[in-house]
Amino acid sequence: MITLPAEREKPRFGMAVSRKVGNAVVRNRVKRWLRESFRKQRGDLTNLDAVFIARPSAGEATYSELFEQVGDLFSALRSRS
């Protein structure tokens, strides 16, 4: 994950999911799961631009594993603030 402070009050999240993650079906599933994880866990984060980079192992991960990893990253961001 790469983060930068932003001038906006709402956080913005982006993602990069390369072909190394899997075929189009797998990449789209990973993107859907990541978007849902962002939506459910972003909470009180503000003034933030973040880009999540999916590694090849994300293609084999379950939704709960991705959800937990996004939560861990958000917790780390909150502790830095």
PDB file of N, CA and C in Angstrom:
ATOM      1  N   MET A   1       0.839  -1.161   0.000  1.00  0.00           N
ATOM      2  CA  MET A   1       0.000   0.000   0.000  1.00  0.00           C
ATOM      3  C   MET A   1       0.892   1.234   0.000  1.00  0.00           C
ATOM      4  N   ILE A   2       0.496   2.204  -0.796  1.00  0.00           N
ATOM      5  CA  ILE A   2       1.180   3.485  -0.862  1.00  0.00           C
ATOM      6  C   ILE A   2       0.179   4.553  -0.432  1.00  0.00           C
ATOM      7  N   THR A   3       0.577   5.431   0.478  1.00  0.00           N
ATOM      8  CA  THR A   3      -0.336   6.470   0.947  1.00  0.00           C
ATOM      9  C   THR A   3       0.306   7.842   0.837  1.00  0.00           C
ATOM     10  N   LEU A   4      -0.538   8.834   0.668  1.00  0.00           N
ATOM     11  CA  LEU A   4      -0.131  10.232   0.653  1.00  0.00           C
ATOM     12  C   LEU A   4      -1.214  11.049   1.353  1.00  0.00           C
ATOM     13  N   PRO A   5      -0.820  12.114   2.041  1.00  0.00           N
ATOM     14  CA  PRO A   5      -1.846  12.991   2.600  1.00  0.00           C
ATOM     15  C   PRO A   5      -2.583  13.702   1.464  1.00  0.00           C
ATOM     16  N   ALA A   6      -3.848  13.971   1.665  1.00  0.00           N
ATOM     17  CA  ALA A   6      -4.657  14.606   0.632  1.00  0.00           C
ATOM     18  C   ALA A   6      -5.302  15.870   1.180  1.00  0.00           C
ATOM     19  N   GLU A   7      -5.714  16.737   0.280  1.00  0.00           N
ATOM     20  CA  GLU A   7      -6.371  17.973   0.680  1.00  0.00           C
ATOM     21  C   GLU A   7      -7.875  17.780   0.852  1.00  0.00           C
ATOM     22  N   ARG A   8      -8.386  16.673   0.412  1.00  0.00           N
ATOM     23  CA  ARG A   8      -9.823  16.395   0.514  1.00  0.00           C
ATOM     24  C   ARG A   8     -10.130  15.813   1.884  1.00  0.00           C
ATOM     25  N   GLU A   9     -11.365  16.002   2.325  1.00  0.00           N
ATOM     26  CA  GLU A   9     -11.768  15.423   3.606  1.00  0.00           C
ATOM     27  C   GLU A   9     -12.113  13.947   3.485  1.00  0.00           C
ATOM     28  N   LYS A  10     -12.610  13.536   2.330  1.00  0.00           N
ATOM     29  CA  LYS A  10     -12.959  12.132   2.124  1.00  0.00           C
ATOM     30  C   LYS A  10     -11.733  11.367   1.650  1.00  0.00           C
ATOM     31  N   PRO A  11     -11.549  10.153   2.153  1.00  0.00           N
ATOM     32  CA  PRO A  11     -10.424   9.349   1.676  1.00  0.00           C
ATOM     33  C   PRO A  11     -10.680   8.824   0.263  1.00  0.00           C
ATOM     34  N   ARG A  12      -9.619   8.664  -0.498  1.00  0.00           N
ATOM     35  CA  ARG A  12      -9.719   8.046  -1.823  1.00  0.00           C
ATOM     36  C   ARG A  12      -8.834   6.813  -1.824  1.00  0.00           C
ATOM     37  N   PHE A  13      -9.376   5.731  -2.377  1.00  0.00           N
ATOM     38  CA  PHE A  13      -8.647   4.478  -2.441  1.00  0.00           C
ATOM     39  C   PHE A  13      -8.599   4.006  -3.886  1.00  0.00           C
ATOM     40  N   GLY A  14      -7.447   3.537  -4.282  1.00  0.00           N
ATOM     41  CA  GLY A  14      -7.284   2.957  -5.602  1.00  0.00           C
ATOM     42  C   GLY A  14      -6.650   1.591  -5.447  1.00  0.00           C
ATOM     43  N   MET A  15      -6.636   0.852  -6.536  1.00  0.00           N
ATOM     44  CA  MET A  15      -6.010  -0.466  -6.467  1.00  0.00           C
ATOM     45  C   MET A  15      -5.353  -0.800  -7.784  1.00  0.00           C
ATOM     46  N   ALA A  16      -4.292  -1.556  -7.688  1.00  0.00           N
ATOM     47  CA  ALA A  16      -3.593  -2.059  -8.861  1.00  0.00           C
ATOM     48  C   ALA A  16      -3.597  -3.579  -8.765  1.00  0.00           C
ATOM     49  N   VAL A  17      -4.221  -4.207  -9.760  1.00  0.00           N
ATOM     50  CA  VAL A  17      -4.313  -5.672  -9.789  1.00  0.00           C
ATOM     51  C   VAL A  17      -3.782  -6.116 -11.149  1.00  0.00           C
ATOM     52  N   SER A  18      -2.574  -6.629 -11.161  1.00  0.00           N
ATOM     53  CA  SER A  18      -1.939  -6.999 -12.432  1.00  0.00           C
ATOM     54  C   SER A  18      -2.355  -8.390 -12.894  1.00  0.00           C
ATOM     55  N   ARG A  19      -1.940  -8.723 -14.089  1.00  0.00           N
ATOM     56  CA  ARG A  19      -2.255 -10.045 -14.647  1.00  0.00           C
ATOM     57  C   ARG A  19      -1.589 -11.171 -13.877  1.00  0.00           C
ATOM     58  N   LYS A  20      -0.580 -10.851 -13.096  1.00  0.00           N
ATOM     59  CA  LYS A  20       0.090 -11.877 -12.297  1.00  0.00           C
ATOM     60  C   LYS A  20      -0.847 -12.454 -11.233  1.00  0.00           C
ATOM     61  N   VAL A  21      -1.900 -11.712 -10.892  1.00  0.00           N
ATOM     62  CA  VAL A  21      -2.863 -12.176  -9.888  1.00  0.00           C
ATOM     63  C   VAL A  21      -3.707 -13.320 -10.436  1.00  0.00           C
ATOM     64  N   GLY A  22      -4.013 -13.266 -11.722  1.00  0.00           N
ATOM     65  CA  GLY A  22      -4.812 -14.329 -12.329  1.00  0.00           C
ATOM     66  C   GLY A  22      -5.492 -13.835 -13.587  1.00  0.00           C
ATOM     67  N   ASN A  23      -6.390 -14.653 -14.109  1.00  0.00           N
ATOM     68  CA  ASN A  23      -7.110 -14.252 -15.320  1.00  0.00           C
ATOM     69  C   ASN A  23      -8.127 -13.158 -14.987  1.00  0.00           C
ATOM     70  N   ALA A  24      -8.875 -12.691 -15.971  1.00  0.00           N
ATOM     71  CA  ALA A  24      -9.788 -11.564 -15.778  1.00  0.00           C
ATOM     72  C   ALA A  24     -10.842 -11.845 -14.706  1.00  0.00           C
ATOM     73  N   VAL A  25     -11.331 -13.047 -14.652  1.00  0.00           N
ATOM     74  CA  VAL A  25     -12.348 -13.401 -13.660  1.00  0.00           C
ATOM     75  C   VAL A  25     -11.772 -13.262 -12.247  1.00  0.00           C
ATOM     76  N   VAL A  26     -10.589 -13.765 -12.041  1.00  0.00           N
ATOM     77  CA  VAL A  26      -9.948 -13.706 -10.728  1.00  0.00           C
ATOM     78  C   VAL A  26      -9.612 -12.260 -10.369  1.00  0.00           C
ATOM     79  N   ARG A  27      -9.063 -11.501 -11.310  1.00  0.00           N
ATOM     80  CA  ARG A  27      -8.717 -10.098 -11.037  1.00  0.00           C
ATOM     81  C   ARG A  27      -9.955  -9.294 -10.671  1.00  0.00           C
ATOM     82  N   ASN A  28     -11.047  -9.489 -11.391  1.00  0.00           N
ATOM     83  CA  ASN A  28     -12.275  -8.757 -11.083  1.00  0.00           C
ATOM     84  C   ASN A  28     -12.842  -9.151  -9.722  1.00  0.00           C
ATOM     85  N   ARG A  29     -12.742 -10.418  -9.367  1.00  0.00           N
ATOM     86  CA  ARG A  29     -13.209 -10.860  -8.055  1.00  0.00           C
ATOM     87  C   ARG A  29     -12.377 -10.203  -6.951  1.00  0.00           C
ATOM     88  N   VAL A  30     -11.063 -10.158  -7.129  1.00  0.00           N
ATOM     89  CA  VAL A  30     -10.185  -9.517  -6.148  1.00  0.00           C
ATOM     90  C   VAL A  30     -10.541  -8.038  -6.017  1.00  0.00           C
ATOM     91  N   LYS A  31     -10.781  -7.370  -7.131  1.00  0.00           N
ATOM     92  CA  LYS A  31     -11.146  -5.946  -7.087  1.00  0.00           C
ATOM     93  C   LYS A  31     -12.476  -5.732  -6.363  1.00  0.00           C
ATOM     94  N   ARG A  32     -13.470  -6.572  -6.641  1.00  0.00           N
ATOM     95  CA  ARG A  32     -14.760  -6.450  -5.949  1.00  0.00           C
ATOM     96  C   ARG A  32     -14.608  -6.643  -4.442  1.00  0.00           C
ATOM     97  N   TRP A  33     -13.848  -7.653  -4.070  1.00  0.00           N
ATOM     98  CA  TRP A  33     -13.640  -7.935  -2.646  1.00  0.00           C
ATOM     99  C   TRP A  33     -12.875  -6.807  -1.966  1.00  0.00           C
ATOM    100  N   LEU A  34     -11.875  -6.252  -2.647  1.00  0.00           N
ATOM    101  CA  LEU A  34     -11.127  -5.137  -2.063  1.00  0.00           C
ATOM    102  C   LEU A  34     -12.017  -3.908  -1.896  1.00  0.00           C
ATOM    103  N   ARG A  35     -12.819  -3.584  -2.915  1.00  0.00           N
ATOM    104  CA  ARG A  35     -13.726  -2.434  -2.810  1.00  0.00           C
ATOM    105  C   ARG A  35     -14.680  -2.597  -1.636  1.00  0.00           C
ATOM    106  N   GLU A  36     -15.230  -3.778  -1.468  1.00  0.00           N
ATOM    107  CA  GLU A  36     -16.149  -4.038  -0.366  1.00  0.00           C
ATOM    108  C   GLU A  36     -15.424  -3.929   0.978  1.00  0.00           C
ATOM    109  N   SER A  37     -14.213  -4.419   1.054  1.00  0.00           N
ATOM    110  CA  SER A  37     -13.425  -4.314   2.283  1.00  0.00           C
ATOM    111  C   SER A  37     -13.136  -2.853   2.616  1.00  0.00           C
ATOM    112  N   PHE A  38     -12.785  -2.050   1.599  1.00  0.00           N
ATOM    113  CA  PHE A  38     -12.549  -0.623   1.824  1.00  0.00           C
ATOM    114  C   PHE A  38     -13.805   0.023   2.386  1.00  0.00           C
ATOM    115  N   ARG A  39     -14.929  -0.241   1.739  1.00  0.00           N
ATOM    116  CA  ARG A  39     -16.186   0.392   2.107  1.00  0.00           C
ATOM    117  C   ARG A  39     -16.568   0.084   3.556  1.00  0.00           C
ATOM    118  N   LYS A  40     -16.405  -1.162   3.961  1.00  0.00           N
ATOM    119  CA  LYS A  40     -16.825  -1.570   5.298  1.00  0.00           C
ATOM    120  C   LYS A  40     -15.872  -1.109   6.395  1.00  0.00           C
ATOM    121  N   GLN A  41     -14.596  -0.866   6.065  1.00  0.00           N
ATOM    122  CA  GLN A  41     -13.609  -0.620   7.113  1.00  0.00           C
ATOM    123  C   GLN A  41     -13.006   0.777   7.119  1.00  0.00           C
ATOM    124  N   ARG A  42     -13.336   1.618   6.162  1.00  0.00           N
ATOM    125  CA  ARG A  42     -12.655   2.918   6.094  1.00  0.00           C
ATOM    126  C   ARG A  42     -12.954   3.795   7.298  1.00  0.00           C
ATOM    127  N   GLY A  43     -14.138   3.710   7.857  1.00  0.00           N
ATOM    128  CA  GLY A  43     -14.474   4.387   9.099  1.00  0.00           C
ATOM    129  C   GLY A  43     -14.117   5.854   9.141  1.00  0.00           C
ATOM    130  N   ASP A  44     -13.260   6.215  10.081  1.00  0.00           N
ATOM    131  CA  ASP A  44     -12.945   7.607  10.348  1.00  0.00           C
ATOM    132  C   ASP A  44     -11.702   8.118   9.609  1.00  0.00           C
ATOM    133  N   LEU A  45     -11.189   7.381   8.665  1.00  0.00           N
ATOM    134  CA  LEU A  45     -10.013   7.847   7.926  1.00  0.00           C
ATOM    135  C   LEU A  45     -10.384   9.046   7.057  1.00  0.00           C
ATOM    136  N   THR A  46      -9.603  10.094   7.144  1.00  0.00           N
ATOM    137  CA  THR A  46      -9.827  11.289   6.328  1.00  0.00           C
ATOM    138  C   THR A  46      -8.490  11.792   5.803  1.00  0.00           C
ATOM    139  N   ASN A  47      -8.549  12.699   4.852  1.00  0.00           N
ATOM    140  CA  ASN A  47      -7.348  13.338   4.298  1.00  0.00           C
ATOM    141  C   ASN A  47      -6.295  12.314   3.870  1.00  0.00           C
ATOM    142  N   LEU A  48      -6.719  11.356   3.081  1.00  0.00           N
ATOM    143  CA  LEU A  48      -5.825  10.270   2.708  1.00  0.00           C
ATOM    144  C   LEU A  48      -6.089   9.827   1.276  1.00  0.00           C
ATOM    145  N   ASP A  49      -5.025   9.637   0.533  1.00  0.00           N
ATOM    146  CA  ASP A  49      -5.078   8.961  -0.759  1.00  0.00           C
ATOM    147  C   ASP A  49      -4.249   7.697  -0.615  1.00  0.00           C
ATOM    148  N   ALA A  50      -4.814   6.557  -0.955  1.00  0.00           N
ATOM    149  CA  ALA A  50      -4.103   5.285  -0.801  1.00  0.00           C
ATOM    150  C   ALA A  50      -4.282   4.431  -2.042  1.00  0.00           C
ATOM    151  N   VAL A  51      -3.213   3.746  -2.427  1.00  0.00           N
ATOM    152  CA  VAL A  51      -3.255   2.790  -3.525  1.00  0.00           C
ATOM    153  C   VAL A  51      -2.830   1.436  -2.968  1.00  0.00           C
ATOM    154  N   PHE A  52      -3.702   0.456  -3.116  1.00  0.00           N
ATOM    155  CA  PHE A  52      -3.409  -0.902  -2.688  1.00  0.00           C
ATOM    156  C   PHE A  52      -2.913  -1.684  -3.894  1.00  0.00           C
ATOM    157  N   ILE A  53      -1.820  -2.401  -3.719  1.00  0.00           N
ATOM    158  CA  ILE A  53      -1.226  -3.180  -4.797  1.00  0.00           C
ATOM    159  C   ILE A  53      -1.429  -4.655  -4.464  1.00  0.00           C
ATOM    160  N   ALA A  54      -2.227  -5.318  -5.279  1.00  0.00           N
ATOM    161  CA  ALA A  54      -2.532  -6.733  -5.035  1.00  0.00           C
ATOM    162  C   ALA A  54      -1.362  -7.592  -5.515  1.00  0.00           C
ATOM    163  N   ARG A  55      -0.896  -8.440  -4.661  1.00  0.00           N
ATOM    164  CA  ARG A  55       0.173  -9.373  -4.992  1.00  0.00           C
ATOM    165  C   ARG A  55      -0.434 -10.631  -5.626  1.00  0.00           C
ATOM    166  N   PRO A  56       0.375 -11.429  -6.312  1.00  0.00           N
ATOM    167  CA  PRO A  56      -0.166 -12.635  -6.961  1.00  0.00           C
ATOM    168  C   PRO A  56      -0.920 -13.568  -6.010  1.00  0.00           C
ATOM    169  N   SER A  57      -0.532 -13.599  -4.752  1.00  0.00           N
ATOM    170  CA  SER A  57      -1.214 -14.480  -3.796  1.00  0.00           C
ATOM    171  C   SER A  57      -2.651 -14.030  -3.524  1.00  0.00           C
ATOM    172  N   ALA A  58      -2.999 -12.789  -3.868  1.00  0.00           N
ATOM    173  CA  ALA A  58      -4.366 -12.306  -3.657  1.00  0.00           C
ATOM    174  C   ALA A  58      -5.369 -13.097  -4.489  1.00  0.00           C
ATOM    175  N   GLY A  59      -4.928 -13.635  -5.610  1.00  0.00           N
ATOM    176  CA  GLY A  59      -5.809 -14.419  -6.461  1.00  0.00           C
ATOM    177  C   GLY A  59      -6.260 -15.711  -5.825  1.00  0.00           C
ATOM    178  N   GLU A  60      -5.499 -16.209  -4.871  1.00  0.00           N
ATOM    179  CA  GLU A  60      -5.839 -17.458  -4.198  1.00  0.00           C
ATOM    180  C   GLU A  60      -6.441 -17.227  -2.816  1.00  0.00           C
ATOM    181  N   ALA A  61      -6.487 -15.978  -2.371  1.00  0.00           N
ATOM    182  CA  ALA A  61      -6.984 -15.661  -1.028  1.00  0.00           C
ATOM    183  C   ALA A  61      -8.510 -15.703  -0.995  1.00  0.00           C
ATOM    184  N   THR A  62      -9.044 -15.954   0.179  1.00  0.00           N
ATOM    185  CA  THR A  62     -10.489 -15.903   0.371  1.00  0.00           C
ATOM    186  C   THR A  62     -10.890 -14.470   0.714  1.00  0.00           C
ATOM    187  N   TYR A  63     -12.193 -14.208   0.672  1.00  0.00           N
ATOM    188  CA  TYR A  63     -12.684 -12.872   1.017  1.00  0.00           C
ATOM    189  C   TYR A  63     -12.288 -12.504   2.444  1.00  0.00           C
ATOM    190  N   SER A  64     -12.434 -13.429   3.367  1.00  0.00           N
ATOM    191  CA  SER A  64     -12.121 -13.127   4.772  1.00  0.00           C
ATOM    192  C   SER A  64     -10.637 -12.809   4.962  1.00  0.00           C
ATOM    193  N   GLU A  65      -9.764 -13.469   4.204  1.00  0.00           N
ATOM    194  CA  GLU A  65      -8.334 -13.168   4.297  1.00  0.00           C
ATOM    195  C   GLU A  65      -8.035 -11.763   3.778  1.00  0.00           C
ATOM    196  N   LEU A  66      -8.631 -11.393   2.637  1.00  0.00           N
ATOM    197  CA  LEU A  66      -8.431 -10.044   2.099  1.00  0.00           C
ATOM    198  C   LEU A  66      -9.020  -9.002   3.050  1.00  0.00           C
ATOM    199  N   PHE A  67     -10.196  -9.279   3.595  1.00  0.00           N
ATOM    200  CA  PHE A  67     -10.851  -8.365   4.519  1.00  0.00           C
ATOM    201  C   PHE A  67      -9.962  -8.119   5.736  1.00  0.00           C
ATOM    202  N   GLU A  68      -9.386  -9.175   6.265  1.00  0.00           N
ATOM    203  CA  GLU A  68      -8.507  -9.067   7.435  1.00  0.00           C
ATOM    204  C   GLU A  68      -7.247  -8.273   7.105  1.00  0.00           C
ATOM    205  N   GLN A  69      -6.675  -8.508   5.932  1.00  0.00           N
ATOM    206  CA  GLN A  69      -5.459  -7.785   5.554  1.00  0.00           C
ATOM    207  C   GLN A  69      -5.731  -6.297   5.350  1.00  0.00           C
ATOM    208  N   VAL A  70      -6.857  -5.958   4.738  1.00  0.00           N
ATOM    209  CA  VAL A  70      -7.229  -4.548   4.583  1.00  0.00           C
ATOM    210  C   VAL A  70      -7.436  -3.928   5.960  1.00  0.00           C
ATOM    211  N   GLY A  71      -8.080  -4.636   6.863  1.00  0.00           N
ATOM    212  CA  GLY A  71      -8.278  -4.148   8.228  1.00  0.00           C
ATOM    213  C   GLY A  71      -6.961  -3.898   8.942  1.00  0.00           C
ATOM    214  N   ASP A  72      -6.002  -4.791   8.763  1.00  0.00           N
ATOM    215  CA  ASP A  72      -4.680  -4.611   9.372  1.00  0.00           C
ATOM    216  C   ASP A  72      -3.990  -3.360   8.827  1.00  0.00           C
ATOM    217  N   LEU A  73      -4.096  -3.146   7.515  1.00  0.00           N
ATOM    218  CA  LEU A  73      -3.488  -1.961   6.918  1.00  0.00           C
ATOM    219  C   LEU A  73      -4.152  -0.681   7.414  1.00  0.00           C
ATOM    220  N   PHE A  74      -5.477  -0.697   7.518  1.00  0.00           N
ATOM    221  CA  PHE A  74      -6.185   0.480   8.031  1.00  0.00           C
ATOM    222  C   PHE A  74      -5.832   0.736   9.492  1.00  0.00           C
ATOM    223  N   SER A  75      -5.665  -0.322  10.281  1.00  0.00           N
ATOM    224  CA  SER A  75      -5.261  -0.162  11.683  1.00  0.00           C
ATOM    225  C   SER A  75      -3.879   0.480  11.776  1.00  0.00           C
ATOM    226  N   ALA A  76      -2.987   0.053  10.901  1.00  0.00           N
ATOM    227  CA  ALA A  76      -1.652   0.650  10.877  1.00  0.00           C
ATOM    228  C   ALA A  76      -1.707   2.125  10.509  1.00  0.00           C
ATOM    229  N   LEU A  77      -2.590   2.469   9.560  1.00  0.00           N
ATOM    230  CA  LEU A  77      -2.743   3.873   9.186  1.00  0.00           C
ATOM    231  C   LEU A  77      -3.293   4.699  10.344  1.00  0.00           C
ATOM    232  N   ARG A  78      -4.245   4.148  11.060  1.00  0.00           N
ATOM    233  CA  ARG A  78      -4.819   4.880  12.188  1.00  0.00           C
ATOM    234  C   ARG A  78      -3.800   5.094  13.296  1.00  0.00           C
ATOM    235  N   SER A  79      -2.938   4.115  13.520  1.00  0.00           N
ATOM    236  CA  SER A  79      -1.944   4.241  14.580  1.00  0.00           C
ATOM    237  C   SER A  79      -0.855   5.255  14.211  1.00  0.00           C
ATOM    238  N   ARG A  80      -0.612   5.448  12.913  1.00  0.00           N
ATOM    239  CA  ARG A  80       0.366   6.453  12.470  1.00  0.00           C
ATOM    240  C   ARG A  80      -0.154   7.864  12.628  1.00  0.00           C
ATOM    241  N   SER A  81      -1.474   8.021  12.595  1.00  0.00           N
ATOM    242  CA  SER A  81      -2.061   9.372  12.650  1.00  0.00           C
ATOM    243  C   SER A  81      -2.055   9.949  14.037  1.00  0.00           C
TER     244      SER A  81
END
